[in-house]
Amino acid sequence: MFELQGATTVAGRVLLSAIFLMSAVGNKIPNFNAVAGVMESVGIPAPHLLLAGAIVFLVVGSVSLIVGYKARFGAVLLATFLALASFYFHAFWNFEGQAQQEQMIHFLKNLSMMGAMLFIFANGAGTMSIDAWLSSRAPAQAKERALKAAAIPA
């Protein structure tokens, strides 16, 4: 049976995650040295190492949300990435005029995505997720283990 809430939650997770996955696969990985150079120019230490870590956060976090497996953990990874990227790359308080407005817009967009990550962290991935499937199996598995334990003579 089709479940509208579950299906829209899956669509939401996919749409929310697309920007992170594409950022890693479409920009950061193929332009690794150039992106590390930009990171170095804004004062990020060990840019190659931290860029590799950022790519892991982006890929693992977005795939986690898309499939709904350990989605809360994936949301924390992406929220951490967003917080750091916002502070280092969209520090609107260091700009003036039009540049300040542009950076503030990027900063606020990141804040809104952090809000979405907090929502996933608080509520989970929804009914159409691996997390939900695994949690629905847990009571049946516990009952099966209890029956097996009861059948073993003491």
N, C-alpha and C. Protein backbone atom coordinates (compact mmCIF):
# COMPACT_ATOMS: atom_id res chain seq x y z
N MET A 1 0.83 -1.18 0.00
CA MET A 1 0.00 0.00 0.00
C MET A 1 0.88 1.25 0.00
N PHE A 2 0.52 2.23 -0.79
CA PHE A 2 1.26 3.48 -0.89
C PHE A 2 1.02 4.33 0.35
N GLU A 3 2.08 4.82 0.92
CA GLU A 3 1.99 5.67 2.10
C GLU A 3 2.53 7.05 1.73
N LEU A 4 1.65 8.03 1.67
CA LEU A 4 2.01 9.38 1.23
C LEU A 4 3.06 10.00 2.14
N GLN A 5 2.89 9.90 3.45
CA GLN A 5 3.84 10.50 4.37
C GLN A 5 5.23 9.88 4.21
N GLY A 6 5.29 8.57 4.11
CA GLY A 6 6.57 7.90 3.94
C GLY A 6 7.24 8.27 2.64
N ALA A 7 6.47 8.30 1.56
CA ALA A 7 7.02 8.63 0.24
C ALA A 7 7.52 10.07 0.18
N THR A 8 6.78 10.98 0.77
CA THR A 8 7.22 12.38 0.74
C THR A 8 8.44 12.58 1.63
N THR A 9 8.53 11.81 2.71
CA THR A 9 9.71 11.88 3.56
C THR A 9 10.95 11.40 2.80
N VAL A 10 10.81 10.31 2.05
CA VAL A 10 11.92 9.83 1.23
C VAL A 10 12.32 10.90 0.22
N ALA A 11 11.34 11.46 -0.47
CA ALA A 11 11.63 12.51 -1.45
C ALA A 11 12.34 13.69 -0.79
N GLY A 12 11.88 14.07 0.38
CA GLY A 12 12.51 15.17 1.11
C GLY A 12 13.95 14.86 1.47
N ARG A 13 14.21 13.63 1.93
CA ARG A 13 15.58 13.24 2.28
C ARG A 13 16.48 13.27 1.05
N VAL A 14 15.96 12.79 -0.08
CA VAL A 14 16.75 12.77 -1.32
C VAL A 14 17.05 14.19 -1.78
N LEU A 15 16.02 15.04 -1.80
CA LEU A 15 16.22 16.41 -2.25
C LEU A 15 17.15 17.18 -1.33
N LEU A 16 17.02 16.98 -0.03
CA LEU A 16 17.88 17.66 0.92
C LEU A 16 19.33 17.20 0.79
N SER A 17 19.54 15.94 0.52
CA SER A 17 20.88 15.37 0.44
C SER A 17 21.58 15.64 -0.89
N ALA A 18 20.83 15.91 -1.92
CA ALA A 18 21.41 16.06 -3.27
C ALA A 18 22.51 17.10 -3.31
N ILE A 19 22.32 18.23 -2.66
CA ILE A 19 23.32 19.29 -2.71
C ILE A 19 24.64 18.85 -2.08
N PHE A 20 24.57 18.06 -1.02
CA PHE A 20 25.78 17.61 -0.34
C PHE A 20 26.52 16.56 -1.15
N LEU A 21 25.78 15.60 -1.68
CA LEU A 21 26.41 14.55 -2.48
C LEU A 21 27.01 15.13 -3.75
N MET A 22 26.27 16.00 -4.42
CA MET A 22 26.79 16.60 -5.65
C MET A 22 27.97 17.53 -5.38
N SER A 23 27.96 18.20 -4.24
CA SER A 23 29.09 19.06 -3.87
C SER A 23 30.36 18.23 -3.74
N ALA A 24 30.24 17.06 -3.13
CA ALA A 24 31.41 16.20 -2.96
C ALA A 24 31.84 15.57 -4.29
N VAL A 25 30.89 14.94 -4.96
CA VAL A 25 31.21 14.17 -6.17
C VAL A 25 31.45 15.06 -7.38
N GLY A 26 30.70 16.15 -7.48
CA GLY A 26 30.79 17.00 -8.66
C GLY A 26 31.77 18.14 -8.56
N ASN A 27 32.21 18.48 -7.33
CA ASN A 27 33.12 19.61 -7.19
C ASN A 27 34.36 19.27 -6.37
N LYS A 28 34.18 18.86 -5.14
CA LYS A 28 35.32 18.71 -4.24
C LYS A 28 36.27 17.58 -4.64
N ILE A 29 35.75 16.46 -5.06
CA ILE A 29 36.63 15.36 -5.45
C ILE A 29 37.36 15.66 -6.77
N PRO A 30 36.66 16.06 -7.83
CA PRO A 30 37.40 16.32 -9.08
C PRO A 30 38.29 17.56 -9.04
N ASN A 31 38.03 18.49 -8.13
CA ASN A 31 38.83 19.71 -8.01
C ASN A 31 39.54 19.78 -6.66
N PHE A 32 40.00 18.63 -6.21
CA PHE A 32 40.52 18.50 -4.85
C PHE A 32 41.58 19.54 -4.52
N ASN A 33 42.62 19.66 -5.35
CA ASN A 33 43.71 20.58 -5.04
C ASN A 33 43.27 22.04 -5.09
N ALA A 34 42.42 22.38 -6.03
CA ALA A 34 41.92 23.76 -6.12
C ALA A 34 41.07 24.10 -4.90
N VAL A 35 40.20 23.18 -4.47
CA VAL A 35 39.36 23.43 -3.30
C VAL A 35 40.24 23.53 -2.05
N ALA A 36 41.25 22.67 -1.94
CA ALA A 36 42.17 22.75 -0.80
C ALA A 36 42.89 24.10 -0.80
N GLY A 37 43.22 24.62 -1.98
CA GLY A 37 43.84 25.94 -2.08
C GLY A 37 42.94 27.04 -1.57
N VAL A 38 41.66 26.96 -1.90
CA VAL A 38 40.69 27.94 -1.39
C VAL A 38 40.59 27.83 0.13
N MET A 39 40.57 26.63 0.63
CA MET A 39 40.50 26.42 2.07
C MET A 39 41.72 27.03 2.76
N GLU A 40 42.87 26.81 2.18
CA GLU A 40 44.10 27.37 2.74
C GLU A 40 44.06 28.90 2.73
N SER A 41 43.50 29.48 1.68
CA SER A 41 43.44 30.94 1.56
C SER A 41 42.55 31.60 2.61
N VAL A 42 41.59 30.85 3.17
CA VAL A 42 40.75 31.42 4.23
C VAL A 42 41.25 31.04 5.63
N GLY A 43 42.42 30.42 5.67
CA GLY A 43 43.05 30.15 6.96
C GLY A 43 42.76 28.81 7.59
N ILE A 44 42.26 27.88 6.82
CA ILE A 44 41.99 26.54 7.37
C ILE A 44 43.30 25.76 7.40
N PRO A 45 43.67 25.27 8.58
CA PRO A 45 44.92 24.49 8.68
C PRO A 45 44.77 23.11 8.05
N ALA A 46 45.87 22.55 7.60
CA ALA A 46 45.89 21.21 6.99
C ALA A 46 44.74 21.03 6.00
N PRO A 47 44.65 21.90 4.99
CA PRO A 47 43.48 21.88 4.11
C PRO A 47 43.25 20.56 3.37
N HIS A 48 44.31 19.88 2.97
CA HIS A 48 44.12 18.61 2.25
C HIS A 48 43.49 17.56 3.16
N LEU A 49 43.97 17.49 4.38
CA LEU A 49 43.44 16.53 5.34
C LEU A 49 41.98 16.87 5.70
N LEU A 50 41.72 18.14 5.97
CA LEU A 50 40.37 18.53 6.34
C LEU A 50 39.40 18.45 5.17
N LEU A 51 39.90 18.67 3.95
CA LEU A 51 39.03 18.49 2.79
C LEU A 51 38.66 17.02 2.62
N ALA A 52 39.61 16.13 2.83
CA ALA A 52 39.29 14.70 2.77
C ALA A 52 38.22 14.35 3.81
N GLY A 53 38.37 14.91 5.01
CA GLY A 53 37.36 14.68 6.05
C GLY A 53 36.01 15.25 5.66
N ALA A 54 36.01 16.44 5.06
CA ALA A 54 34.75 17.06 4.64
C ALA A 54 34.06 16.20 3.58
N ILE A 55 34.84 15.65 2.66
CA ILE A 55 34.27 14.79 1.62
C ILE A 55 33.63 13.55 2.25
N VAL A 56 34.30 12.97 3.24
CA VAL A 56 33.73 11.82 3.93
C VAL A 56 32.42 12.22 4.63
N PHE A 57 32.42 13.35 5.31
CA PHE A 57 31.20 13.83 5.98
C PHE A 57 30.07 14.00 4.96
N LEU A 58 30.39 14.62 3.81
CA LEU A 58 29.37 14.89 2.80
C LEU A 58 28.82 13.60 2.19
N VAL A 59 29.69 12.70 1.81
CA VAL A 59 29.25 11.47 1.16
C VAL A 59 28.52 10.56 2.15
N VAL A 60 29.14 10.30 3.29
CA VAL A 60 28.52 9.41 4.28
C VAL A 60 27.22 10.01 4.80
N GLY A 61 27.24 11.30 5.11
CA GLY A 61 26.04 11.95 5.61
C GLY A 61 24.90 11.94 4.62
N SER A 62 25.19 12.26 3.37
CA SER A 62 24.11 12.32 2.37
C SER A 62 23.59 10.93 2.03
N VAL A 63 24.45 9.95 1.87
CA VAL A 63 23.98 8.59 1.58
C VAL A 63 23.18 8.05 2.76
N SER A 64 23.63 8.35 3.96
CA SER A 64 22.90 7.94 5.16
C SER A 64 21.47 8.48 5.16
N LEU A 65 21.32 9.75 4.80
CA LEU A 65 19.98 10.33 4.75
C LEU A 65 19.17 9.76 3.60
N ILE A 66 19.78 9.60 2.44
CA ILE A 66 19.04 9.11 1.27
C ILE A 66 18.43 7.74 1.55
N VAL A 67 19.22 6.82 2.07
CA VAL A 67 18.70 5.47 2.31
C VAL A 67 18.01 5.33 3.66
N GLY A 68 18.22 6.33 4.53
CA GLY A 68 17.57 6.27 5.83
C GLY A 68 18.21 5.27 6.77
N TYR A 69 19.52 5.10 6.68
CA TYR A 69 20.24 4.22 7.58
C TYR A 69 21.15 5.06 8.47
N LYS A 70 20.95 4.97 9.77
CA LYS A 70 21.69 5.80 10.73
C LYS A 70 21.53 7.27 10.35
N ALA A 71 20.30 7.64 10.01
CA ALA A 71 20.01 8.99 9.49
C ALA A 71 20.33 10.07 10.51
N ARG A 72 20.13 9.78 11.77
CA ARG A 72 20.47 10.80 12.79
C ARG A 72 21.96 11.09 12.77
N PHE A 73 22.76 10.07 12.66
CA PHE A 73 24.22 10.24 12.58
C PHE A 73 24.58 11.02 11.31
N GLY A 74 23.97 10.66 10.19
CA GLY A 74 24.21 11.37 8.94
C GLY A 74 23.85 12.83 9.04
N ALA A 75 22.74 13.13 9.72
CA ALA A 75 22.32 14.52 9.91
C ALA A 75 23.33 15.29 10.75
N VAL A 76 23.91 14.64 11.75
CA VAL A 76 24.94 15.29 12.57
C VAL A 76 26.18 15.59 11.73
N LEU A 77 26.58 14.65 10.88
CA LEU A 77 27.73 14.89 10.01
C LEU A 77 27.49 16.10 9.11
N LEU A 78 26.32 16.15 8.50
CA LEU A 78 26.02 17.26 7.58
C LEU A 78 25.85 18.58 8.33
N ALA A 79 25.27 18.55 9.51
CA ALA A 79 25.14 19.78 10.30
C ALA A 79 26.51 20.30 10.73
N THR A 80 27.41 19.40 11.06
CA THR A 80 28.77 19.80 11.42
C THR A 80 29.46 20.45 10.23
N PHE A 81 29.34 19.82 9.06
CA PHE A 81 29.91 20.40 7.85
C PHE A 81 29.33 21.79 7.61
N LEU A 82 28.01 21.93 7.72
CA LEU A 82 27.36 23.22 7.47
C LEU A 82 27.83 24.29 8.44
N ALA A 83 27.96 23.94 9.71
CA ALA A 83 28.39 24.92 10.71
C ALA A 83 29.80 25.43 10.39
N LEU A 84 30.69 24.52 10.06
CA LEU A 84 32.07 24.92 9.76
C LEU A 84 32.15 25.69 8.44
N ALA A 85 31.45 25.22 7.42
CA ALA A 85 31.46 25.91 6.13
C ALA A 85 30.86 27.31 6.26
N SER A 86 29.82 27.45 7.04
CA SER A 86 29.19 28.76 7.24
C SER A 86 30.16 29.73 7.90
N PHE A 87 30.83 29.26 8.94
CA PHE A 87 31.75 30.13 9.68
C PHE A 87 32.95 30.54 8.81
N TYR A 88 33.55 29.58 8.12
CA TYR A 88 34.78 29.87 7.37
C TYR A 88 34.53 30.50 6.00
N PHE A 89 33.45 30.14 5.33
CA PHE A 89 33.28 30.58 3.95
C PHE A 89 32.18 31.61 3.74
N HIS A 90 31.33 31.81 4.72
CA HIS A 90 30.23 32.77 4.55
C HIS A 90 30.15 33.73 5.73
N ALA A 91 31.33 34.17 6.18
CA ALA A 91 31.44 35.08 7.32
C ALA A 91 31.05 36.49 6.87
N PHE A 92 29.75 36.71 6.73
CA PHE A 92 29.24 37.97 6.19
C PHE A 92 29.68 39.17 7.02
N TRP A 93 29.96 38.96 8.30
CA TRP A 93 30.37 40.04 9.20
C TRP A 93 31.73 40.62 8.82
N ASN A 94 32.47 39.92 7.95
CA ASN A 94 33.77 40.42 7.49
C ASN A 94 33.68 41.19 6.18
N PHE A 95 32.47 41.38 5.65
CA PHE A 95 32.28 42.03 4.36
C PHE A 95 31.46 43.30 4.52
N GLU A 96 31.39 44.04 3.43
CA GLU A 96 30.56 45.25 3.40
C GLU A 96 29.77 45.29 2.09
N GLY A 97 28.70 46.03 2.10
CA GLY A 97 27.93 46.27 0.89
C GLY A 97 27.31 45.03 0.29
N GLN A 98 27.38 44.95 -1.04
CA GLN A 98 26.76 43.84 -1.78
C GLN A 98 27.38 42.49 -1.40
N ALA A 99 28.69 42.46 -1.20
CA ALA A 99 29.36 41.21 -0.81
C ALA A 99 28.83 40.71 0.53
N GLN A 100 28.57 41.63 1.45
CA GLN A 100 28.02 41.23 2.74
C GLN A 100 26.63 40.62 2.58
N GLN A 101 25.81 41.23 1.74
CA GLN A 101 24.47 40.71 1.48
C GLN A 101 24.53 39.31 0.88
N GLU A 102 25.42 39.10 -0.08
CA GLU A 102 25.55 37.79 -0.73
C GLU A 102 25.99 36.73 0.27
N GLN A 103 26.98 37.06 1.09
CA GLN A 103 27.46 36.09 2.07
C GLN A 103 26.41 35.81 3.14
N MET A 104 25.64 36.83 3.50
CA MET A 104 24.58 36.62 4.48
C MET A 104 23.51 35.67 3.93
N ILE A 105 23.19 35.79 2.67
CA ILE A 105 22.22 34.88 2.05
C ILE A 105 22.73 33.45 2.10
N HIS A 106 24.01 33.24 1.75
CA HIS A 106 24.58 31.88 1.81
C HIS A 106 24.59 31.37 3.25
N PHE A 107 24.95 32.24 4.18
CA PHE A 107 24.97 31.86 5.59
C PHE A 107 23.57 31.44 6.06
N LEU A 108 22.57 32.22 5.71
CA LEU A 108 21.20 31.91 6.13
C LEU A 108 20.67 30.65 5.44
N LYS A 109 21.06 30.42 4.19
CA LYS A 109 20.67 29.16 3.53
C LYS A 109 21.26 27.98 4.29
N ASN A 110 22.51 28.10 4.70
CA ASN A 110 23.13 27.03 5.47
C ASN A 110 22.42 26.84 6.81
N LEU A 111 22.02 27.95 7.45
CA LEU A 111 21.27 27.82 8.70
C LEU A 111 19.97 27.06 8.50
N SER A 112 19.30 27.33 7.38
CA SER A 112 18.04 26.63 7.13
C SER A 112 18.28 25.13 6.93
N MET A 113 19.37 24.78 6.26
CA MET A 113 19.69 23.35 6.09
C MET A 113 20.10 22.73 7.42
N MET A 114 20.78 23.51 8.28
CA MET A 114 21.09 23.00 9.62
C MET A 114 19.80 22.72 10.39
N GLY A 115 18.80 23.57 10.19
CA GLY A 115 17.50 23.33 10.82
C GLY A 115 16.88 22.03 10.35
N ALA A 116 17.01 21.75 9.07
CA ALA A 116 16.49 20.48 8.54
C ALA A 116 17.25 19.30 9.15
N MET A 117 18.55 19.45 9.35
CA MET A 117 19.35 18.37 9.97
C MET A 117 18.92 18.16 11.42
N LEU A 118 18.64 19.25 12.13
CA LEU A 118 18.14 19.12 13.50
C LEU A 118 16.79 18.40 13.52
N PHE A 119 15.95 18.70 12.53
CA PHE A 119 14.65 18.04 12.44
C PHE A 119 14.83 16.53 12.24
N ILE A 120 15.74 16.14 11.36
CA ILE A 120 15.99 14.71 11.14
C ILE A 120 16.60 14.08 12.39
N PHE A 121 17.52 14.81 13.03
CA PHE A 121 18.12 14.28 14.25
C PHE A 121 17.04 14.03 15.32
N ALA A 122 16.10 14.95 15.44
CA ALA A 122 15.04 14.83 16.45
C ALA A 122 14.00 13.77 16.11
N ASN A 123 13.69 13.62 14.82
CA ASN A 123 12.55 12.79 14.41
C ASN A 123 12.92 11.52 13.65
N GLY A 124 14.15 11.38 13.25
CA GLY A 124 14.55 10.21 12.49
C GLY A 124 14.22 10.34 11.03
N ALA A 125 14.41 9.25 10.30
CA ALA A 125 14.29 9.25 8.85
C ALA A 125 12.88 8.98 8.34
N GLY A 126 11.96 8.62 9.22
CA GLY A 126 10.59 8.35 8.78
C GLY A 126 10.33 6.87 8.59
N THR A 127 9.09 6.58 8.20
CA THR A 127 8.65 5.18 8.12
C THR A 127 9.25 4.42 6.95
N MET A 128 9.58 5.10 5.88
CA MET A 128 10.16 4.41 4.72
C MET A 128 11.68 4.61 4.74
N SER A 129 12.32 3.90 5.67
CA SER A 129 13.76 4.00 5.84
C SER A 129 14.29 2.67 6.36
N ILE A 130 15.57 2.48 6.19
CA ILE A 130 16.20 1.28 6.75
C ILE A 130 16.12 1.34 8.27
N ASP A 131 16.30 2.52 8.85
CA ASP A 131 16.19 2.66 10.31
C ASP A 131 14.84 2.16 10.82
N ALA A 132 13.75 2.57 10.16
CA ALA A 132 12.41 2.14 10.59
C ALA A 132 12.24 0.64 10.40
N TRP A 133 12.73 0.10 9.30
CA TRP A 133 12.63 -1.33 9.04
C TRP A 133 13.38 -2.12 10.11
N LEU A 134 14.59 -1.67 10.45
CA LEU A 134 15.37 -2.36 11.48
C LEU A 134 14.70 -2.28 12.85
N SER A 135 14.14 -1.13 13.18
CA SER A 135 13.50 -1.01 14.49
C SER A 135 12.20 -1.82 14.56
N SER A 136 11.53 -2.02 13.43
CA SER A 136 10.32 -2.84 13.44
C SER A 136 10.66 -4.33 13.58
N ARG A 137 11.85 -4.70 13.15
CA ARG A 137 12.29 -6.09 13.28
C ARG A 137 12.78 -6.41 14.68
N ALA A 138 13.23 -5.41 15.43
CA ALA A 138 13.83 -5.64 16.74
C ALA A 138 12.90 -6.36 17.71
N PRO A 139 11.62 -5.97 17.84
CA PRO A 139 10.75 -6.70 18.78
C PRO A 139 10.56 -8.17 18.39
N ALA A 140 10.43 -8.44 17.11
CA ALA A 140 10.26 -9.83 16.66
C ALA A 140 11.52 -10.64 16.96
N GLN A 141 12.68 -10.04 16.75
CA GLN A 141 13.93 -10.75 17.03
C GLN A 141 14.09 -10.99 18.53
N ALA A 142 13.70 -10.02 19.35
CA ALA A 142 13.79 -10.19 20.81
C ALA A 142 12.86 -11.32 21.27
N LYS A 143 11.66 -11.37 20.69
CA LYS A 143 10.71 -12.43 21.05
C LYS A 143 11.26 -13.79 20.64
N GLU A 144 11.86 -13.86 19.45
CA GLU A 144 12.45 -15.11 18.97
C GLU A 144 13.58 -15.57 19.89
N ARG A 145 14.43 -14.64 20.32
CA ARG A 145 15.52 -14.99 21.24
C ARG A 145 14.97 -15.48 22.58
N ALA A 146 13.92 -14.82 23.06
CA ALA A 146 13.32 -15.24 24.34
C ALA A 146 12.74 -16.63 24.24
N LEU A 147 12.08 -16.95 23.12
CA LEU A 147 11.51 -18.30 22.94
C LEU A 147 12.62 -19.35 22.88
N LYS A 148 13.71 -19.03 22.19
CA LYS A 148 14.83 -19.97 22.12
C LYS A 148 15.46 -20.18 23.49
N ALA A 149 15.59 -19.10 24.25
CA ALA A 149 16.17 -19.20 25.60
C ALA A 149 15.28 -20.02 26.51
N ALA A 150 13.97 -19.88 26.38
CA ALA A 150 13.03 -20.63 27.20
C ALA A 150 13.05 -22.11 26.85
N ALA A 151 13.40 -22.44 25.62
CA ALA A 151 13.42 -23.84 25.17
C ALA A 151 14.67 -24.58 25.64
N ILE A 152 15.69 -23.85 26.02
CA ILE A 152 16.95 -24.48 26.47
C ILE A 152 16.77 -24.94 27.92
N PRO A 153 16.99 -26.25 28.18
CA PRO A 153 16.84 -26.74 29.56
C PRO A 153 17.94 -26.17 30.44
N ALA A 154 17.58 -25.85 31.67
CA ALA A 154 18.55 -25.27 32.61
C ALA A 154 19.38 -26.32 33.28
